[in-house]
Amino acid sequence: QDMESEEYYDAVSIKRQGLGLVRLVGE
């Protein structure tokens, strides 16, 4: 919930990397 925490930014990064992986697989 804390959008200013290190954990928040790490979690968002993981999710974005996951979507990037899916797009890469398709390409």
PDB file of all heavy atoms in Angstrom:
ATOM      1  N   GLN A   1       0.819  -1.211   0.000  1.00  0.00           N
ATOM      2  CA  GLN A   1       0.000   0.000   0.000  1.00  0.00           C
ATOM      3  C   GLN A   1       0.856   1.264   0.000  1.00  0.00           C
ATOM      4  O   GLN A   1       0.456   2.287  -0.546  1.00  0.00           O
ATOM      5  CB  GLN A   1      -0.919  -0.002   1.232  1.00  0.00           C
ATOM      6  CG  GLN A   1      -1.964  -1.106   1.227  1.00  0.00           C
ATOM      7  CD  GLN A   1      -2.949  -0.961   0.080  1.00  0.00           C
ATOM      8  OE1 GLN A   1      -3.385   0.146  -0.217  1.00  0.00           O
ATOM      9  NE2 GLN A   1      -3.285  -2.080  -0.548  1.00  0.00           N
ATOM     10  N   ASP A   2       2.028   1.174   0.609  1.00  0.00           N
ATOM     11  CA  ASP A   2       2.902   2.335   0.702  1.00  0.00           C
ATOM     12  C   ASP A   2       3.598   2.573  -0.642  1.00  0.00           C
ATOM     13  O   ASP A   2       4.561   1.897  -0.999  1.00  0.00           O
ATOM     14  CB  ASP A   2       3.946   2.122   1.805  1.00  0.00           C
ATOM     15  CG  ASP A   2       4.854   3.332   1.983  1.00  0.00           C
ATOM     16  OD1 ASP A   2       4.626   4.352   1.292  1.00  0.00           O
ATOM     17  OD2 ASP A   2       5.785   3.252   2.807  1.00  0.00           O
ATOM     18  N   MET A   3       3.102   3.545  -1.390  1.00  0.00           N
ATOM     19  CA  MET A   3       3.629   3.797  -2.733  1.00  0.00           C
ATOM     20  C   MET A   3       5.002   4.448  -2.731  1.00  0.00           C
ATOM     21  O   MET A   3       5.610   4.621  -3.786  1.00  0.00           O
ATOM     22  CB  MET A   3       2.648   4.673  -3.519  1.00  0.00           C
ATOM     23  CG  MET A   3       1.334   4.004  -3.813  1.00  0.00           C
ATOM     24  SD  MET A   3       0.266   5.036  -4.852  1.00  0.00           S
ATOM     25  CE  MET A   3      -1.146   3.938  -5.050  1.00  0.00           C
ATOM     26  N   GLU A   4       5.495   4.840  -1.581  1.00  0.00           N
ATOM     27  CA  GLU A   4       6.818   5.453  -1.504  1.00  0.00           C
ATOM     28  C   GLU A   4       7.873   4.471  -1.005  1.00  0.00           C
ATOM     29  O   GLU A   4       9.026   4.838  -0.838  1.00  0.00           O
ATOM     30  CB  GLU A   4       6.775   6.669  -0.558  1.00  0.00           C
ATOM     31  CG  GLU A   4       5.867   7.795  -1.047  1.00  0.00           C
ATOM     32  CD  GLU A   4       6.325   8.364  -2.382  1.00  0.00           C
ATOM     33  OE1 GLU A   4       7.542   8.463  -2.599  1.00  0.00           O
ATOM     34  OE2 GLU A   4       5.463   8.692  -3.207  1.00  0.00           O
ATOM     35  N   SER A   5       7.494   3.231  -0.797  1.00  0.00           N
ATOM     36  CA  SER A   5       8.424   2.252  -0.239  1.00  0.00           C
ATOM     37  C   SER A   5       9.246   1.582  -1.331  1.00  0.00           C
ATOM     38  O   SER A   5       8.847   1.529  -2.501  1.00  0.00           O
ATOM     39  CB  SER A   5       7.666   1.186   0.548  1.00  0.00           C
ATOM     40  OG  SER A   5       6.870   0.399  -0.328  1.00  0.00           O
ATOM     41  N   GLU A   6      10.405   1.058  -0.946  1.00  0.00           N
ATOM     42  CA  GLU A   6      11.247   0.288  -1.870  1.00  0.00           C
ATOM     43  C   GLU A   6      10.497  -0.940  -2.375  1.00  0.00           C
ATOM     44  O   GLU A   6      10.591  -1.308  -3.546  1.00  0.00           O
ATOM     45  CB  GLU A   6      12.528  -0.150  -1.153  1.00  0.00           C
ATOM     46  CG  GLU A   6      13.450   0.986  -0.736  1.00  0.00           C
ATOM     47  CD  GLU A   6      14.236   1.536  -1.902  1.00  0.00           C
ATOM     48  OE1 GLU A   6      14.405   0.798  -2.896  1.00  0.00           O
ATOM     49  OE2 GLU A   6      14.674   2.693  -1.827  1.00  0.00           O
ATOM     50  N   GLU A   7       9.747  -1.583  -1.486  1.00  0.00           N
ATOM     51  CA  GLU A   7       9.019  -2.796  -1.836  1.00  0.00           C
ATOM     52  C   GLU A   7       7.981  -2.522  -2.915  1.00  0.00           C
ATOM     53  O   GLU A   7       7.746  -3.359  -3.794  1.00  0.00           O
ATOM     54  CB  GLU A   7       8.352  -3.405  -0.599  1.00  0.00           C
ATOM     55  CG  GLU A   7       9.309  -3.972   0.432  1.00  0.00           C
ATOM     56  CD  GLU A   7       9.970  -2.891   1.273  1.00  0.00           C
ATOM     57  OE1 GLU A   7       9.538  -1.705   1.192  1.00  0.00           O
ATOM     58  OE2 GLU A   7      10.926  -3.216   2.005  1.00  0.00           O
ATOM     59  N   TYR A   8       7.361  -1.352  -2.849  1.00  0.00           N
ATOM     60  CA  TYR A   8       6.347  -1.007  -3.845  1.00  0.00           C
ATOM     61  C   TYR A   8       6.969  -0.920  -5.238  1.00  0.00           C
ATOM     62  O   TYR A   8       6.464  -1.500  -6.201  1.00  0.00           O
ATOM     63  CB  TYR A   8       5.678   0.322  -3.493  1.00  0.00           C
ATOM     64  CG  TYR A   8       4.678   0.778  -4.538  1.00  0.00           C
ATOM     65  CD1 TYR A   8       3.360   0.326  -4.499  1.00  0.00           C
ATOM     66  CD2 TYR A   8       5.061   1.634  -5.571  1.00  0.00           C
ATOM     67  CE1 TYR A   8       2.448   0.725  -5.459  1.00  0.00           C
ATOM     68  CE2 TYR A   8       4.152   2.026  -6.536  1.00  0.00           C
ATOM     69  CZ  TYR A   8       2.848   1.580  -6.476  1.00  0.00           C
ATOM     70  OH  TYR A   8       1.959   1.961  -7.442  1.00  0.00           O
ATOM     71  N   TYR A   9       8.069  -0.212  -5.345  1.00  0.00           N
ATOM     72  CA  TYR A   9       8.714  -0.042  -6.647  1.00  0.00           C
ATOM     73  C   TYR A   9       9.262  -1.366  -7.176  1.00  0.00           C
ATOM     74  O   TYR A   9       9.234  -1.635  -8.382  1.00  0.00           O
ATOM     75  CB  TYR A   9       9.815   1.015  -6.553  1.00  0.00           C
ATOM     76  CG  TYR A   9       9.265   2.416  -6.494  1.00  0.00           C
ATOM     77  CD1 TYR A   9       9.092   3.055  -5.268  1.00  0.00           C
ATOM     78  CD2 TYR A   9       8.894   3.089  -7.648  1.00  0.00           C
ATOM     79  CE1 TYR A   9       8.566   4.346  -5.205  1.00  0.00           C
ATOM     80  CE2 TYR A   9       8.366   4.377  -7.593  1.00  0.00           C
ATOM     81  CZ  TYR A   9       8.207   4.996  -6.370  1.00  0.00           C
ATOM     82  OH  TYR A   9       7.678   6.258  -6.309  1.00  0.00           O
ATOM     83  N   ASP A  10       9.757  -2.198  -6.283  1.00  0.00           N
ATOM     84  CA  ASP A  10      10.239  -3.515  -6.706  1.00  0.00           C
ATOM     85  C   ASP A  10       9.094  -4.375  -7.231  1.00  0.00           C
ATOM     86  O   ASP A  10       9.232  -5.072  -8.238  1.00  0.00           O
ATOM     87  CB  ASP A  10      10.929  -4.225  -5.540  1.00  0.00           C
ATOM     88  CG  ASP A  10      12.309  -3.656  -5.245  1.00  0.00           C
ATOM     89  OD1 ASP A  10      12.855  -2.951  -6.123  1.00  0.00           O
ATOM     90  OD2 ASP A  10      12.845  -3.911  -4.154  1.00  0.00           O
ATOM     91  N   ALA A  11       7.940  -4.330  -6.552  1.00  0.00           N
ATOM     92  CA  ALA A  11       6.789  -5.129  -6.967  1.00  0.00           C
ATOM     93  C   ALA A  11       6.274  -4.673  -8.328  1.00  0.00           C
ATOM     94  O   ALA A  11       5.953  -5.504  -9.202  1.00  0.00           O
ATOM     95  CB  ALA A  11       5.679  -5.037  -5.911  1.00  0.00           C
ATOM     96  N   VAL A  12       6.181  -3.364  -8.519  1.00  0.00           N
ATOM     97  CA  VAL A  12       5.730  -2.837  -9.809  1.00  0.00           C
ATOM     98  C   VAL A  12       6.697  -3.232 -10.916  1.00  0.00           C
ATOM     99  O   VAL A  12       6.304  -3.595 -12.028  1.00  0.00           O
ATOM    100  CB  VAL A  12       5.584  -1.305  -9.735  1.00  0.00           C
ATOM    101  CG1 VAL A  12       5.360  -0.712 -11.124  1.00  0.00           C
ATOM    102  CG2 VAL A  12       4.413  -0.936  -8.827  1.00  0.00           C
ATOM    103  N   SER A  13       7.994  -3.198 -10.619  1.00  0.00           N
ATOM    104  CA  SER A  13       9.008  -3.572 -11.599  1.00  0.00           C
ATOM    105  C   SER A  13       8.862  -5.035 -12.013  1.00  0.00           C
ATOM    106  O   SER A  13       8.964  -5.378 -13.190  1.00  0.00           O
ATOM    107  CB  SER A  13      10.406  -3.324 -11.032  1.00  0.00           C
ATOM    108  OG  SER A  13      11.399  -3.740 -11.938  1.00  0.00           O
ATOM    109  N   ILE A  14       8.601  -5.909 -11.050  1.00  0.00           N
ATOM    110  CA  ILE A  14       8.425  -7.332 -11.343  1.00  0.00           C
ATOM    111  C   ILE A  14       7.235  -7.546 -12.269  1.00  0.00           C
ATOM    112  O   ILE A  14       7.300  -8.311 -13.239  1.00  0.00           O
ATOM    113  CB  ILE A  14       8.247  -8.129 -10.039  1.00  0.00           C
ATOM    114  CG1 ILE A  14       9.566  -8.169  -9.255  1.00  0.00           C
ATOM    115  CG2 ILE A  14       7.772  -9.552 -10.323  1.00  0.00           C
ATOM    116  CD1 ILE A  14       9.442  -8.749  -7.868  1.00  0.00           C
ATOM    117  N   LYS A  15       6.129  -6.854 -11.994  1.00  0.00           N
ATOM    118  CA  LYS A  15       4.938  -7.012 -12.825  1.00  0.00           C
ATOM    119  C   LYS A  15       5.188  -6.514 -14.244  1.00  0.00           C
ATOM    120  O   LYS A  15       4.782  -7.148 -15.227  1.00  0.00           O
ATOM    121  CB  LYS A  15       3.765  -6.267 -12.189  1.00  0.00           C
ATOM    122  CG  LYS A  15       3.178  -6.961 -10.963  1.00  0.00           C
ATOM    123  CD  LYS A  15       2.044  -6.162 -10.374  1.00  0.00           C
ATOM    124  CE  LYS A  15       1.408  -6.890  -9.192  1.00  0.00           C
ATOM    125  NZ  LYS A  15       0.592  -8.031  -9.628  1.00  0.00           N
ATOM    126  N   ARG A  16       5.880  -5.401 -14.365  1.00  0.00           N
ATOM    127  CA  ARG A  16       6.164  -4.869 -15.700  1.00  0.00           C
ATOM    128  C   ARG A  16       7.122  -5.784 -16.462  1.00  0.00           C
ATOM    129  O   ARG A  16       6.993  -5.971 -17.679  1.00  0.00           O
ATOM    130  CB  ARG A  16       6.730  -3.463 -15.586  1.00  0.00           C
ATOM    131  CG  ARG A  16       5.673  -2.431 -15.223  1.00  0.00           C
ATOM    132  CD  ARG A  16       6.234  -1.038 -15.115  1.00  0.00           C
ATOM    133  NE  ARG A  16       5.170  -0.054 -14.958  1.00  0.00           N
ATOM    134  CZ  ARG A  16       5.358   1.214 -14.638  1.00  0.00           C
ATOM    135  NH1 ARG A  16       6.579   1.657 -14.436  1.00  0.00           N
ATOM    136  NH2 ARG A  16       4.347   2.044 -14.524  1.00  0.00           N
ATOM    137  N   GLN A  17       8.086  -6.346 -15.762  1.00  0.00           N
ATOM    138  CA  GLN A  17       9.001  -7.284 -16.407  1.00  0.00           C
ATOM    139  C   GLN A  17       8.244  -8.527 -16.877  1.00  0.00           C
ATOM    140  O   GLN A  17       8.546  -9.091 -17.928  1.00  0.00           O
ATOM    141  CB  GLN A  17      10.113  -7.669 -15.437  1.00  0.00           C
ATOM    142  CG  GLN A  17      11.146  -6.580 -15.209  1.00  0.00           C
ATOM    143  CD  GLN A  17      12.200  -6.966 -14.192  1.00  0.00           C
ATOM    144  OE1 GLN A  17      12.355  -8.136 -13.870  1.00  0.00           O
ATOM    145  NE2 GLN A  17      12.907  -5.982 -13.673  1.00  0.00           N
ATOM    146  N   GLY A  18       7.232  -8.942 -16.102  1.00  0.00           N
ATOM    147  CA  GLY A  18       6.425 -10.088 -16.501  1.00  0.00           C
ATOM    148  C   GLY A  18       5.678  -9.834 -17.790  1.00  0.00           C
ATOM    149  O   GLY A  18       5.679 -10.669 -18.706  1.00  0.00           O
ATOM    150  N   LEU A  19       5.058  -8.660 -17.892  1.00  0.00           N
ATOM    151  CA  LEU A  19       4.361  -8.310 -19.127  1.00  0.00           C
ATOM    152  C   LEU A  19       5.336  -8.174 -20.290  1.00  0.00           C
ATOM    153  O   LEU A  19       5.027  -8.543 -21.422  1.00  0.00           O
ATOM    154  CB  LEU A  19       3.582  -7.004 -18.944  1.00  0.00           C
ATOM    155  CG  LEU A  19       2.289  -7.083 -18.139  1.00  0.00           C
ATOM    156  CD1 LEU A  19       1.637  -5.712 -18.047  1.00  0.00           C
ATOM    157  CD2 LEU A  19       1.320  -8.078 -18.753  1.00  0.00           C
ATOM    158  N   GLY A  20       6.527  -7.655 -20.013  1.00  0.00           N
ATOM    159  CA  GLY A  20       7.544  -7.562 -21.054  1.00  0.00           C
ATOM    160  C   GLY A  20       7.970  -8.930 -21.555  1.00  0.00           C
ATOM    161  O   GLY A  20       8.177  -9.132 -22.752  1.00  0.00           O
ATOM    162  N   LEU A  21       8.082  -9.890 -20.630  1.00  0.00           N
ATOM    163  CA  LEU A  21       8.429 -11.255 -21.017  1.00  0.00           C
ATOM    164  C   LEU A  21       7.364 -11.856 -21.920  1.00  0.00           C
ATOM    165  O   LEU A  21       7.667 -12.488 -22.941  1.00  0.00           O
ATOM    166  CB  LEU A  21       8.607 -12.117 -19.762  1.00  0.00           C
ATOM    167  CG  LEU A  21       8.785 -13.615 -20.003  1.00  0.00           C
ATOM    168  CD1 LEU A  21      10.074 -13.895 -20.769  1.00  0.00           C
ATOM    169  CD2 LEU A  21       8.779 -14.380 -18.679  1.00  0.00           C
ATOM    170  N   VAL A  22       6.099 -11.655 -21.565  1.00  0.00           N
ATOM    171  CA  VAL A  22       4.998 -12.184 -22.372  1.00  0.00           C
ATOM    172  C   VAL A  22       5.034 -11.592 -23.778  1.00  0.00           C
ATOM    173  O   VAL A  22       4.874 -12.304 -24.781  1.00  0.00           O
ATOM    174  CB  VAL A  22       3.647 -11.888 -21.688  1.00  0.00           C
ATOM    175  CG1 VAL A  22       2.488 -12.203 -22.626  1.00  0.00           C
ATOM    176  CG2 VAL A  22       3.513 -12.700 -20.411  1.00  0.00           C
ATOM    177  N   ARG A  23       5.251 -10.294 -23.860  1.00  0.00           N
ATOM    178  CA  ARG A  23       5.335  -9.647 -25.174  1.00  0.00           C
ATOM    179  C   ARG A  23       6.522 -10.186 -25.968  1.00  0.00           C
ATOM    180  O   ARG A  23       6.422 -10.434 -27.182  1.00  0.00           O
ATOM    181  CB  ARG A  23       5.468  -8.137 -24.972  1.00  0.00           C
ATOM    182  CG  ARG A  23       5.668  -7.347 -26.259  1.00  0.00           C
ATOM    183  CD  ARG A  23       4.425  -7.262 -27.096  1.00  0.00           C
ATOM    184  NE  ARG A  23       4.688  -6.597 -28.360  1.00  0.00           N
ATOM    185  CZ  ARG A  23       4.684  -5.275 -28.526  1.00  0.00           C
ATOM    186  NH1 ARG A  23       4.464  -4.474 -27.490  1.00  0.00           N
ATOM    187  NH2 ARG A  23       4.906  -4.761 -29.717  1.00  0.00           N
ATOM    188  N   LEU A  24       7.657 -10.381 -25.300  1.00  0.00           N
ATOM    189  CA  LEU A  24       8.834 -10.922 -25.975  1.00  0.00           C
ATOM    190  C   LEU A  24       8.563 -12.321 -26.517  1.00  0.00           C
ATOM    191  O   LEU A  24       8.932 -12.641 -27.654  1.00  0.00           O
ATOM    192  CB  LEU A  24      10.023 -10.959 -25.012  1.00  0.00           C
ATOM    193  CG  LEU A  24      11.312 -11.590 -25.563  1.00  0.00           C
ATOM    194  CD1 LEU A  24      11.858 -10.791 -26.737  1.00  0.00           C
ATOM    195  CD2 LEU A  24      12.365 -11.699 -24.468  1.00  0.00           C
ATOM    196  N   VAL A  25       7.910 -13.153 -25.733  1.00  0.00           N
ATOM    197  CA  VAL A  25       7.569 -14.512 -26.181  1.00  0.00           C
ATOM    198  C   VAL A  25       6.723 -14.439 -27.458  1.00  0.00           C
ATOM    199  O   VAL A  25       6.954 -15.178 -28.421  1.00  0.00           O
ATOM    200  CB  VAL A  25       6.820 -15.272 -25.068  1.00  0.00           C
ATOM    201  CG1 VAL A  25       6.170 -16.537 -25.614  1.00  0.00           C
ATOM    202  CG2 VAL A  25       7.790 -15.631 -23.939  1.00  0.00           C
ATOM    203  N   GLY A  26       5.739 -13.550 -27.468  1.00  0.00           N
ATOM    204  CA  GLY A  26       4.909 -13.409 -28.658  1.00  0.00           C
ATOM    205  C   GLY A  26       5.697 -12.949 -29.867  1.00  0.00           C
ATOM    206  O   GLY A  26       5.522 -13.459 -30.983  1.00  0.00           O
ATOM    207  N   GLU A  27       6.602 -12.000 -29.667  1.00  0.00           N
ATOM    208  CA  GLU A  27       7.406 -11.485 -30.779  1.00  0.00           C
ATOM    209  C   GLU A  27       8.397 -12.531 -31.287  1.00  0.00           C
ATOM    210  O   GLU A  27       8.670 -12.615 -32.488  1.00  0.00           O
ATOM    211  CB  GLU A  27       8.151 -10.222 -30.344  1.00  0.00           C
ATOM    212  CG  GLU A  27       7.252  -9.038 -30.007  1.00  0.00           C
ATOM    213  CD  GLU A  27       6.585  -8.424 -31.219  1.00  0.00           C
ATOM    214  OE1 GLU A  27       6.991  -8.745 -32.353  1.00  0.00           O
ATOM    215  OE2 GLU A  27       5.662  -7.603 -31.032  1.00  0.00           O
TER     216      GLU A  27
END
